[in-house]
All heavy atoms as atom14 arrays in JSON, in Angstrom:
{
  "sequence": "SFQRLYHDALMRYNADRRPLTHILPAEGSYRWLDDPWPWEYCAN",
  "atom14_mask": [
    [1, 1, 1, 1, 1, 1, 0, 0, 0, 0, 0, 0, 0, 0],
    [1, 1, 1, 1, 1, 1, 1, 1, 1, 1, 1, 0, 0, 0],
    [1, 1, 1, 1, 1, 1, 1, 1, 1, 0, 0, 0, 0, 0],
    [1, 1, 1, 1, 1, 1, 1, 1, 1, 1, 1, 0, 0, 0],
    [1, 1, 1, 1, 1, 1, 1, 1, 0, 0, 0, 0, 0, 0],
    [1, 1, 1, 1, 1, 1, 1, 1, 1, 1, 1, 1, 0, 0],
    [1, 1, 1, 1, 1, 1, 1, 1, 1, 1, 0, 0, 0, 0],
    [1, 1, 1, 1, 1, 1, 1, 1, 0, 0, 0, 0, 0, 0],
    [1, 1, 1, 1, 1, 0, 0, 0, 0, 0, 0, 0, 0, 0],
    [1, 1, 1, 1, 1, 1, 1, 1, 0, 0, 0, 0, 0, 0],
    [1, 1, 1, 1, 1, 1, 1, 1, 0, 0, 0, 0, 0, 0],
    [1, 1, 1, 1, 1, 1, 1, 1, 1, 1, 1, 0, 0, 0],
    [1, 1, 1, 1, 1, 1, 1, 1, 1, 1, 1, 1, 0, 0],
    [1, 1, 1, 1, 1, 1, 1, 1, 0, 0, 0, 0, 0, 0],
    [1, 1, 1, 1, 1, 0, 0, 0, 0, 0, 0, 0, 0, 0],
    [1, 1, 1, 1, 1, 1, 1, 1, 0, 0, 0, 0, 0, 0],
    [1, 1, 1, 1, 1, 1, 1, 1, 1, 1, 1, 0, 0, 0],
    [1, 1, 1, 1, 1, 1, 1, 1, 1, 1, 1, 0, 0, 0],
    [1, 1, 1, 1, 1, 1, 1, 0, 0, 0, 0, 0, 0, 0],
    [1, 1, 1, 1, 1, 1, 1, 1, 0, 0, 0, 0, 0, 0],
    [1, 1, 1, 1, 1, 1, 1, 0, 0, 0, 0, 0, 0, 0],
    [1, 1, 1, 1, 1, 1, 1, 1, 1, 1, 0, 0, 0, 0],
    [1, 1, 1, 1, 1, 1, 1, 1, 0, 0, 0, 0, 0, 0],
    [1, 1, 1, 1, 1, 1, 1, 1, 0, 0, 0, 0, 0, 0],
    [1, 1, 1, 1, 1, 1, 1, 0, 0, 0, 0, 0, 0, 0],
    [1, 1, 1, 1, 1, 0, 0, 0, 0, 0, 0, 0, 0, 0],
    [1, 1, 1, 1, 1, 1, 1, 1, 1, 0, 0, 0, 0, 0],
    [1, 1, 1, 1, 0, 0, 0, 0, 0, 0, 0, 0, 0, 0],
    [1, 1, 1, 1, 1, 1, 0, 0, 0, 0, 0, 0, 0, 0],
    [1, 1, 1, 1, 1, 1, 1, 1, 1, 1, 1, 1, 0, 0],
    [1, 1, 1, 1, 1, 1, 1, 1, 1, 1, 1, 0, 0, 0],
    [1, 1, 1, 1, 1, 1, 1, 1, 1, 1, 1, 1, 1, 1],
    [1, 1, 1, 1, 1, 1, 1, 1, 0, 0, 0, 0, 0, 0],
    [1, 1, 1, 1, 1, 1, 1, 1, 0, 0, 0, 0, 0, 0],
    [1, 1, 1, 1, 1, 1, 1, 1, 0, 0, 0, 0, 0, 0],
    [1, 1, 1, 1, 1, 1, 1, 0, 0, 0, 0, 0, 0, 0],
    [1, 1, 1, 1, 1, 1, 1, 1, 1, 1, 1, 1, 1, 1],
    [1, 1, 1, 1, 1, 1, 1, 0, 0, 0, 0, 0, 0, 0],
    [1, 1, 1, 1, 1, 1, 1, 1, 1, 1, 1, 1, 1, 1],
    [1, 1, 1, 1, 1, 1, 1, 1, 1, 0, 0, 0, 0, 0],
    [1, 1, 1, 1, 1, 1, 1, 1, 1, 1, 1, 1, 0, 0],
    [1, 1, 1, 1, 1, 1, 0, 0, 0, 0, 0, 0, 0, 0],
    [1, 1, 1, 1, 1, 0, 0, 0, 0, 0, 0, 0, 0, 0],
    [1, 1, 1, 1, 1, 1, 1, 1, 0, 0, 0, 0, 0, 0]
  ],
  "atom14_positions": [
    [[25.07, 12.91, 12.48], [25.79, 11.67, 12.72], [25.45, 10.65, 11.63], [26.34, 9.97, 11.1], [25.43, 11.12, 14.1], [25.98, 9.85, 14.28], [0.0, 0.0, 0.0], [0.0, 0.0, 0.0], [0.0, 0.0, 0.0], [0.0, 0.0, 0.0], [0.0, 0.0, 0.0], [0.0, 0.0, 0.0], [0.0, 0.0, 0.0], [0.0, 0.0, 0.0]],
    [[24.17, 10.53, 11.3], [23.75, 9.62, 10.23], [24.33, 10.06, 8.88], [24.68, 9.22, 8.05], [22.23, 9.51, 10.13], [21.63, 8.51, 11.07], [20.63, 8.89, 11.94], [22.04, 7.19, 11.08], [20.06, 7.97, 12.82], [21.47, 6.27, 11.94], [20.49, 6.66, 12.81], [0.0, 0.0, 0.0], [0.0, 0.0, 0.0], [0.0, 0.0, 0.0]],
    [[24.45, 11.37, 8.66], [25.06, 11.85, 7.42], [26.51, 11.35, 7.31], [26.93, 10.89, 6.26], [25.06, 13.38, 7.36], [23.72, 13.98, 7.01], [23.81, 15.5, 6.98], [24.34, 16.13, 7.89], [23.27, 16.08, 5.91], [0.0, 0.0, 0.0], [0.0, 0.0, 0.0], [0.0, 0.0, 0.0], [0.0, 0.0, 0.0], [0.0, 0.0, 0.0]],
    [[27.26, 11.46, 8.41], [28.64, 10.99, 8.41], [28.71, 9.48, 8.21], [29.54, 8.98, 7.44], [29.34, 11.4, 9.71], [29.59, 12.91, 9.81], [30.41, 13.27, 11.04], [29.73, 13.04, 12.3], [28.91, 13.91, 12.89], [28.65, 15.08, 12.33], [28.34, 13.62, 14.04], [0.0, 0.0, 0.0], [0.0, 0.0, 0.0], [0.0, 0.0, 0.0]],
    [[27.84, 8.75, 8.91], [27.82, 7.29, 8.76], [27.48, 6.9, 7.33], [28.08, 5.98, 6.76], [26.81, 6.67, 9.72], [27.17, 6.7, 11.2], [25.98, 6.27, 12.05], [28.37, 5.8, 11.46], [0.0, 0.0, 0.0], [0.0, 0.0, 0.0], [0.0, 0.0, 0.0], [0.0, 0.0, 0.0], [0.0, 0.0, 0.0], [0.0, 0.0, 0.0]],
    [[26.51, 7.6, 6.73], [26.12, 7.31, 5.35], [27.28, 7.59, 4.4], [27.59, 6.77, 3.53], [24.89, 8.14, 4.94], [24.43, 7.83, 3.53], [23.59, 6.74, 3.29], [24.86, 8.59, 2.46], [23.18, 6.43, 2.01], [24.46, 8.28, 1.17], [23.62, 7.2, 0.95], [23.23, 6.9, -0.33], [0.0, 0.0, 0.0], [0.0, 0.0, 0.0]],
    [[27.94, 8.71, 4.57], [29.08, 9.06, 3.71], [30.17, 7.99, 3.82], [30.7, 7.52, 2.81], [29.63, 10.43, 4.08], [30.81, 10.82, 3.26], [32.1, 10.56, 3.66], [30.9, 11.42, 2.05], [32.94, 10.99, 2.74], [32.23, 11.52, 1.75], [0.0, 0.0, 0.0], [0.0, 0.0, 0.0], [0.0, 0.0, 0.0], [0.0, 0.0, 0.0]],
    [[30.51, 7.59, 5.05], [31.54, 6.58, 5.25], [31.14, 5.24, 4.63], [31.95, 4.58, 3.98], [31.83, 6.39, 6.75], [32.46, 7.63, 7.37], [32.9, 8.54, 6.63], [32.48, 7.7, 8.63], [0.0, 0.0, 0.0], [0.0, 0.0, 0.0], [0.0, 0.0, 0.0], [0.0, 0.0, 0.0], [0.0, 0.0, 0.0], [0.0, 0.0, 0.0]],
    [[29.88, 4.84, 4.82], [29.41, 3.58, 4.24], [29.42, 3.64, 2.72], [29.76, 2.66, 2.05], [28.0, 3.27, 4.75], [0.0, 0.0, 0.0], [0.0, 0.0, 0.0], [0.0, 0.0, 0.0], [0.0, 0.0, 0.0], [0.0, 0.0, 0.0], [0.0, 0.0, 0.0], [0.0, 0.0, 0.0], [0.0, 0.0, 0.0], [0.0, 0.0, 0.0]],
    [[29.05, 4.79, 2.16], [29.06, 4.96, 0.71], [30.48, 4.86, 0.16], [30.73, 4.22, -0.86], [28.42, 6.3, 0.34], [28.29, 6.59, -1.15], [27.44, 5.54, -1.84], [27.7, 7.98, -1.35], [0.0, 0.0, 0.0], [0.0, 0.0, 0.0], [0.0, 0.0, 0.0], [0.0, 0.0, 0.0], [0.0, 0.0, 0.0], [0.0, 0.0, 0.0]],
    [[31.44, 5.47, 0.85], [32.83, 5.4, 0.4], [33.35, 3.97, 0.47], [34.05, 3.5, -0.43], [33.72, 6.33, 1.24], [33.44, 7.82, 1.05], [33.65, 8.36, -0.66], [31.95, 8.68, -1.12], [0.0, 0.0, 0.0], [0.0, 0.0, 0.0], [0.0, 0.0, 0.0], [0.0, 0.0, 0.0], [0.0, 0.0, 0.0], [0.0, 0.0, 0.0]],
    [[33.0, 3.23, 1.54], [33.41, 1.81, 1.64], [32.78, 1.0, 0.52], [33.44, 0.17, -0.1], [32.99, 1.24, 2.99], [33.88, 1.59, 4.14], [33.61, 0.73, 5.36], [32.21, 0.65, 5.74], [31.58, 1.54, 6.51], [32.23, 2.59, 6.97], [30.31, 1.39, 6.81], [0.0, 0.0, 0.0], [0.0, 0.0, 0.0], [0.0, 0.0, 0.0]],
    [[31.49, 1.24, 0.27], [30.8, 0.5, -0.79], [31.44, 0.79, -2.14], [31.69, -0.11, -2.93], [29.31, 0.88, -0.81], [28.49, 0.03, -1.74], [27.89, -1.13, -1.3], [28.33, 0.39, -3.07], [27.14, -1.92, -2.15], [27.57, -0.4, -3.94], [26.99, -1.54, -3.47], [26.25, -2.33, -4.31], [0.0, 0.0, 0.0], [0.0, 0.0, 0.0]],
    [[31.71, 2.06, -2.41], [32.31, 2.44, -3.69], [33.71, 1.85, -3.85], [34.08, 1.44, -4.95], [32.37, 3.95, -3.83], [31.01, 4.56, -4.06], [30.06, 3.89, -4.46], [30.88, 5.84, -3.79], [0.0, 0.0, 0.0], [0.0, 0.0, 0.0], [0.0, 0.0, 0.0], [0.0, 0.0, 0.0], [0.0, 0.0, 0.0], [0.0, 0.0, 0.0]],
    [[34.48, 1.8, -2.78], [35.84, 1.27, -2.86], [35.82, -0.24, -3.06], [36.66, -0.79, -3.77], [36.61, 1.63, -1.6], [0.0, 0.0, 0.0], [0.0, 0.0, 0.0], [0.0, 0.0, 0.0], [0.0, 0.0, 0.0], [0.0, 0.0, 0.0], [0.0, 0.0, 0.0], [0.0, 0.0, 0.0], [0.0, 0.0, 0.0], [0.0, 0.0, 0.0]],
    [[34.87, -0.91, -2.43], [34.8, -2.36, -2.47], [34.16, -2.88, -3.76], [34.51, -3.95, -4.23], [34.01, -2.86, -1.25], [34.1, -4.36, -1.09], [35.16, -4.93, -1.38], [33.09, -4.96, -0.67], [0.0, 0.0, 0.0], [0.0, 0.0, 0.0], [0.0, 0.0, 0.0], [0.0, 0.0, 0.0], [0.0, 0.0, 0.0], [0.0, 0.0, 0.0]],
    [[33.24, -2.14, -4.3], [32.5, -2.59, -5.48], [32.72, -1.6, -6.61], [33.73, -1.62, -7.28], [31.03, -2.75, -5.14], [30.8, -3.91, -4.17], [29.36, -3.91, -3.67], [29.11, -5.02, -2.8], [29.37, -5.06, -1.51], [29.95, -4.04, -0.92], [29.09, -6.11, -0.77], [0.0, 0.0, 0.0], [0.0, 0.0, 0.0], [0.0, 0.0, 0.0]],
    [[31.74, -0.74, -6.81], [31.83, 0.33, -7.81], [30.89, 1.43, -7.37], [30.0, 1.2, -6.55], [31.46, -0.19, -9.19], [29.99, -0.58, -9.28], [29.64, -0.93, -10.71], [28.28, -1.33, -10.77], [27.82, -2.51, -10.38], [28.64, -3.4, -9.89], [26.55, -2.79, -10.46], [0.0, 0.0, 0.0], [0.0, 0.0, 0.0], [0.0, 0.0, 0.0]],
    [[31.03, 2.63, -7.89], [30.15, 3.71, -7.47], [28.68, 3.39, -7.76], [28.35, 2.8, -8.78], [30.61, 4.89, -8.32], [31.99, 4.55, -8.75], [32.03, 3.06, -8.85], [0.0, 0.0, 0.0], [0.0, 0.0, 0.0], [0.0, 0.0, 0.0], [0.0, 0.0, 0.0], [0.0, 0.0, 0.0], [0.0, 0.0, 0.0], [0.0, 0.0, 0.0]],
    [[27.81, 3.75, -6.81], [26.37, 3.57, -7.02], [25.83, 4.59, -8.01], [24.81, 4.36, -8.65], [25.62, 3.69, -5.7], [25.71, 2.5, -4.77], [25.0, 2.79, -3.46], [25.13, 1.26, -5.42], [0.0, 0.0, 0.0], [0.0, 0.0, 0.0], [0.0, 0.0, 0.0], [0.0, 0.0, 0.0], [0.0, 0.0, 0.0], [0.0, 0.0, 0.0]],
    [[26.47, 5.74, -8.08], [26.05, 6.76, -9.04], [27.27, 7.24, -9.8], [28.41, 7.04, -9.38], [25.41, 7.97, -8.32], [26.42, 8.67, -7.62], [24.3, 7.55, -7.39], [0.0, 0.0, 0.0], [0.0, 0.0, 0.0], [0.0, 0.0, 0.0], [0.0, 0.0, 0.0], [0.0, 0.0, 0.0], [0.0, 0.0, 0.0], [0.0, 0.0, 0.0]],
    [[27.04, 7.88, -10.9], [28.13, 8.41, -11.7], [28.58, 9.79, -11.2], [29.51, 10.37, -11.71], [27.72, 8.5, -13.16], [26.5, 9.33, -13.38], [26.54, 10.69, -13.48], [25.19, 8.97, -13.45], [25.31, 11.14, -13.63], [24.47, 10.13, -13.61], [0.0, 0.0, 0.0], [0.0, 0.0, 0.0], [0.0, 0.0, 0.0], [0.0, 0.0, 0.0]],
    [[27.92, 10.3, -10.16], [28.2, 11.64, -9.67], [29.5, 11.69, -8.87], [30.25, 12.65, -8.94], [27.02, 12.15, -8.82], [25.78, 12.27, -9.72], [27.34, 13.46, -8.14], [24.5, 12.51, -8.96], [0.0, 0.0, 0.0], [0.0, 0.0, 0.0], [0.0, 0.0, 0.0], [0.0, 0.0, 0.0], [0.0, 0.0, 0.0], [0.0, 0.0, 0.0]],
    [[29.77, 10.64, -8.09], [30.97, 10.63, -7.27], [32.2, 10.36, -8.13], [32.18, 9.47, -8.98], [30.86, 9.56, -6.18], [29.78, 9.79, -5.14], [29.68, 8.58, -4.23], [30.05, 11.04, -4.34], [0.0, 0.0, 0.0], [0.0, 0.0, 0.0], [0.0, 0.0, 0.0], [0.0, 0.0, 0.0], [0.0, 0.0, 0.0], [0.0, 0.0, 0.0]],
    [[33.28, 11.08, -7.89], [34.5, 10.81, -8.67], [35.08, 9.46, -8.29], [35.0, 9.03, -7.15], [35.44, 11.95, -8.26], [34.94, 12.43, -6.95], [33.46, 12.15, -6.93], [0.0, 0.0, 0.0], [0.0, 0.0, 0.0], [0.0, 0.0, 0.0], [0.0, 0.0, 0.0], [0.0, 0.0, 0.0], [0.0, 0.0, 0.0], [0.0, 0.0, 0.0]],
    [[35.63, 8.77, -9.27], [36.22, 7.46, -9.04], [37.63, 7.45, -9.61], [37.9, 8.07, -10.63], [35.38, 6.37, -9.68], [0.0, 0.0, 0.0], [0.0, 0.0, 0.0], [0.0, 0.0, 0.0], [0.0, 0.0, 0.0], [0.0, 0.0, 0.0], [0.0, 0.0, 0.0], [0.0, 0.0, 0.0], [0.0, 0.0, 0.0], [0.0, 0.0, 0.0]],
    [[38.52, 6.75, -8.93], [39.89, 6.61, -9.42], [39.93, 5.56, -10.53], [39.13, 4.64, -10.56], [40.8, 6.17, -8.26], [40.88, 7.15, -7.13], [41.56, 8.45, -7.53], [42.52, 8.39, -8.33], [41.13, 9.52, -7.05], [0.0, 0.0, 0.0], [0.0, 0.0, 0.0], [0.0, 0.0, 0.0], [0.0, 0.0, 0.0], [0.0, 0.0, 0.0]],
    [[40.89, 5.71, -11.42], [41.09, 4.7, -12.45], [40.06, 4.79, -13.56], [39.57, 5.86, -13.89], [0.0, 0.0, 0.0], [0.0, 0.0, 0.0], [0.0, 0.0, 0.0], [0.0, 0.0, 0.0], [0.0, 0.0, 0.0], [0.0, 0.0, 0.0], [0.0, 0.0, 0.0], [0.0, 0.0, 0.0], [0.0, 0.0, 0.0], [0.0, 0.0, 0.0]],
    [[39.73, 3.64, -14.09], [38.83, 3.59, -15.25], [37.38, 3.83, -14.85], [37.03, 3.78, -13.68], [38.95, 2.24, -15.96], [38.47, 1.21, -15.11], [0.0, 0.0, 0.0], [0.0, 0.0, 0.0], [0.0, 0.0, 0.0], [0.0, 0.0, 0.0], [0.0, 0.0, 0.0], [0.0, 0.0, 0.0], [0.0, 0.0, 0.0], [0.0, 0.0, 0.0]],
    [[36.58, 4.05, -15.85], [35.15, 4.26, -15.65], [34.51, 2.92, -15.33], [34.47, 2.02, -16.16], [34.57, 4.85, -16.94], [33.13, 5.28, -16.82], [32.78, 6.41, -16.1], [32.12, 4.55, -17.43], [31.47, 6.82, -16.01], [30.8, 4.96, -17.33], [30.49, 6.09, -16.63], [29.19, 6.49, -16.53], [0.0, 0.0, 0.0], [0.0, 0.0, 0.0]],
    [[34.02, 2.74, -14.09], [33.54, 1.45, -13.61], [32.02, 1.36, -13.51], [31.5, 0.42, -12.94], [34.15, 1.17, -12.23], [35.64, 1.08, -12.25], [36.24, 0.92, -10.87], [35.38, 0.18, -9.97], [35.43, 0.26, -8.65], [36.3, 1.05, -8.08], [34.61, -0.42, -7.89], [0.0, 0.0, 0.0], [0.0, 0.0, 0.0], [0.0, 0.0, 0.0]],
    [[31.33, 2.33, -14.01], [29.88, 2.39, -13.83], [29.17, 1.13, -14.32], [28.21, 0.67, -13.74], [29.33, 3.63, -14.54], [27.88, 3.78, -14.41], [26.94, 3.62, -15.39], [27.14, 4.11, -13.23], [25.69, 3.83, -14.91], [25.78, 4.14, -13.57], [27.49, 4.38, -11.93], [24.78, 4.43, -12.66], [26.49, 4.67, -11.02], [25.17, 4.69, -11.4]],
    [[29.65, 0.54, -15.41], [28.96, -0.61, -16.0], [29.52, -1.96, -15.58], [29.1, -2.99, -16.08], [28.99, -0.5, -17.54], [28.29, 0.73, -18.1], [28.47, 0.8, -19.6], [26.82, 0.73, -17.74], [0.0, 0.0, 0.0], [0.0, 0.0, 0.0], [0.0, 0.0, 0.0], [0.0, 0.0, 0.0], [0.0, 0.0, 0.0], [0.0, 0.0, 0.0]],
    [[30.47, -1.99, -14.65], [31.06, -3.25, -14.21], [30.03, -4.1, -13.49], [29.22, -3.6, -12.72], [32.25, -3.01, -13.28], [33.41, -2.34, -13.99], [33.38, -2.24, -15.22], [34.34, -1.92, -13.29], [0.0, 0.0, 0.0], [0.0, 0.0, 0.0], [0.0, 0.0, 0.0], [0.0, 0.0, 0.0], [0.0, 0.0, 0.0], [0.0, 0.0, 0.0]],
    [[30.09, -5.4, -13.71], [29.22, -6.33, -12.99], [29.75, -6.52, -11.58], [30.93, -6.33, -11.34], [29.17, -7.67, -13.72], [28.37, -7.6, -15.01], [27.47, -6.75, -15.07], [28.65, -8.38, -15.93], [0.0, 0.0, 0.0], [0.0, 0.0, 0.0], [0.0, 0.0, 0.0], [0.0, 0.0, 0.0], [0.0, 0.0, 0.0], [0.0, 0.0, 0.0]],
    [[28.99, -6.98, -10.62], [27.55, -7.23, -10.66], [26.75, -5.96, -10.39], [27.25, -5.03, -9.78], [27.34, -8.23, -9.53], [28.39, -7.88, -8.53], [29.58, -7.39, -9.34], [0.0, 0.0, 0.0], [0.0, 0.0, 0.0], [0.0, 0.0, 0.0], [0.0, 0.0, 0.0], [0.0, 0.0, 0.0], [0.0, 0.0, 0.0], [0.0, 0.0, 0.0]],
    [[25.5, -5.96, -10.84], [24.6, -4.84, -10.59], [24.06, -4.93, -9.17], [23.98, -6.02, -8.6], [23.45, -4.87, -11.6], [23.94, -4.55, -12.97], [24.3, -5.46, -13.93], [24.14, -3.26, -13.54], [24.73, -4.82, -15.07], [24.63, -3.46, -14.86], [23.98, -1.97, -13.08], [24.94, -2.4, -15.69], [24.28, -0.92, -13.93], [24.76, -1.14, -15.21]],
    [[23.67, -3.83, -8.56], [23.18, -3.86, -7.18], [22.01, -4.81, -6.95], [21.86, -5.37, -5.87], [22.77, -2.4, -6.91], [23.62, -1.6, -7.82], [23.78, -2.45, -9.07], [0.0, 0.0, 0.0], [0.0, 0.0, 0.0], [0.0, 0.0, 0.0], [0.0, 0.0, 0.0], [0.0, 0.0, 0.0], [0.0, 0.0, 0.0], [0.0, 0.0, 0.0]],
    [[21.16, -5.02, -7.94], [19.98, -5.88, -7.74], [20.29, -7.36, -7.96], [19.44, -8.2, -7.77], [18.83, -5.44, -8.67], [19.22, -5.38, -10.1], [19.24, -6.41, -11.0], [19.65, -4.22, -10.82], [19.68, -5.97, -12.21], [19.93, -4.62, -12.13], [19.82, -2.89, -10.46], [20.37, -3.74, -13.11], [20.27, -2.02, -11.44], [20.53, -2.43, -12.73]],
    [[21.5, -7.69, -8.34], [21.9, -9.1, -8.48], [22.32, -9.6, -7.1], [23.48, -9.57, -6.73], [23.02, -9.23, -9.5], [22.57, -8.86, -10.89], [23.69, -8.92, -11.91], [24.76, -8.33, -11.64], [23.48, -9.55, -12.95], [0.0, 0.0, 0.0], [0.0, 0.0, 0.0], [0.0, 0.0, 0.0], [0.0, 0.0, 0.0], [0.0, 0.0, 0.0]],
    [[21.33, -10.05, -6.36], [21.5, -10.33, -4.94], [22.65, -11.29, -4.65], [23.53, -10.99, -3.86], [20.19, -10.87, -4.35], [20.31, -11.23, -2.89], [20.32, -10.23, -1.94], [20.47, -12.54, -2.48], [20.47, -10.53, -0.59], [20.62, -12.86, -1.15], [20.62, -11.86, -0.22], [20.77, -12.15, 1.11], [0.0, 0.0, 0.0], [0.0, 0.0, 0.0]],
    [[22.64, -12.45, -5.27], [23.65, -13.47, -4.96], [25.07, -12.98, -5.25], [26.01, -13.34, -4.56], [23.36, -14.75, -5.72], [21.85, -15.56, -5.15], [0.0, 0.0, 0.0], [0.0, 0.0, 0.0], [0.0, 0.0, 0.0], [0.0, 0.0, 0.0], [0.0, 0.0, 0.0], [0.0, 0.0, 0.0], [0.0, 0.0, 0.0], [0.0, 0.0, 0.0]],
    [[25.23, -12.18, -6.26], [26.56, -11.67, -6.61], [27.03, -10.58, -5.66], [28.21, -10.28, -5.6], [26.54, -11.13, -8.04], [0.0, 0.0, 0.0], [0.0, 0.0, 0.0], [0.0, 0.0, 0.0], [0.0, 0.0, 0.0], [0.0, 0.0, 0.0], [0.0, 0.0, 0.0], [0.0, 0.0, 0.0], [0.0, 0.0, 0.0], [0.0, 0.0, 0.0]],
    [[26.12, -10.0, -4.91], [26.45, -8.88, -4.03], [26.45, -9.23, -2.55], [26.7, -8.36, -1.73], [25.48, -7.72, -4.26], [25.8, -6.98, -5.54], [26.84, -6.35, -5.64], [24.92, -7.08, -6.52], [0.0, 0.0, 0.0], [0.0, 0.0, 0.0], [0.0, 0.0, 0.0], [0.0, 0.0, 0.0], [0.0, 0.0, 0.0], [0.0, 0.0, 0.0]]
  ]
}
């Protein structure tokens, strides 16, 4: 159940922001370097 919840949360996070890793396929352009970075708290 946690695996499914994690997968769903990861997909929401990737769709809303950008992929956390370069391993998951992403639609459109390569967004790995787009701002903000995960550790930029206020921006996230």
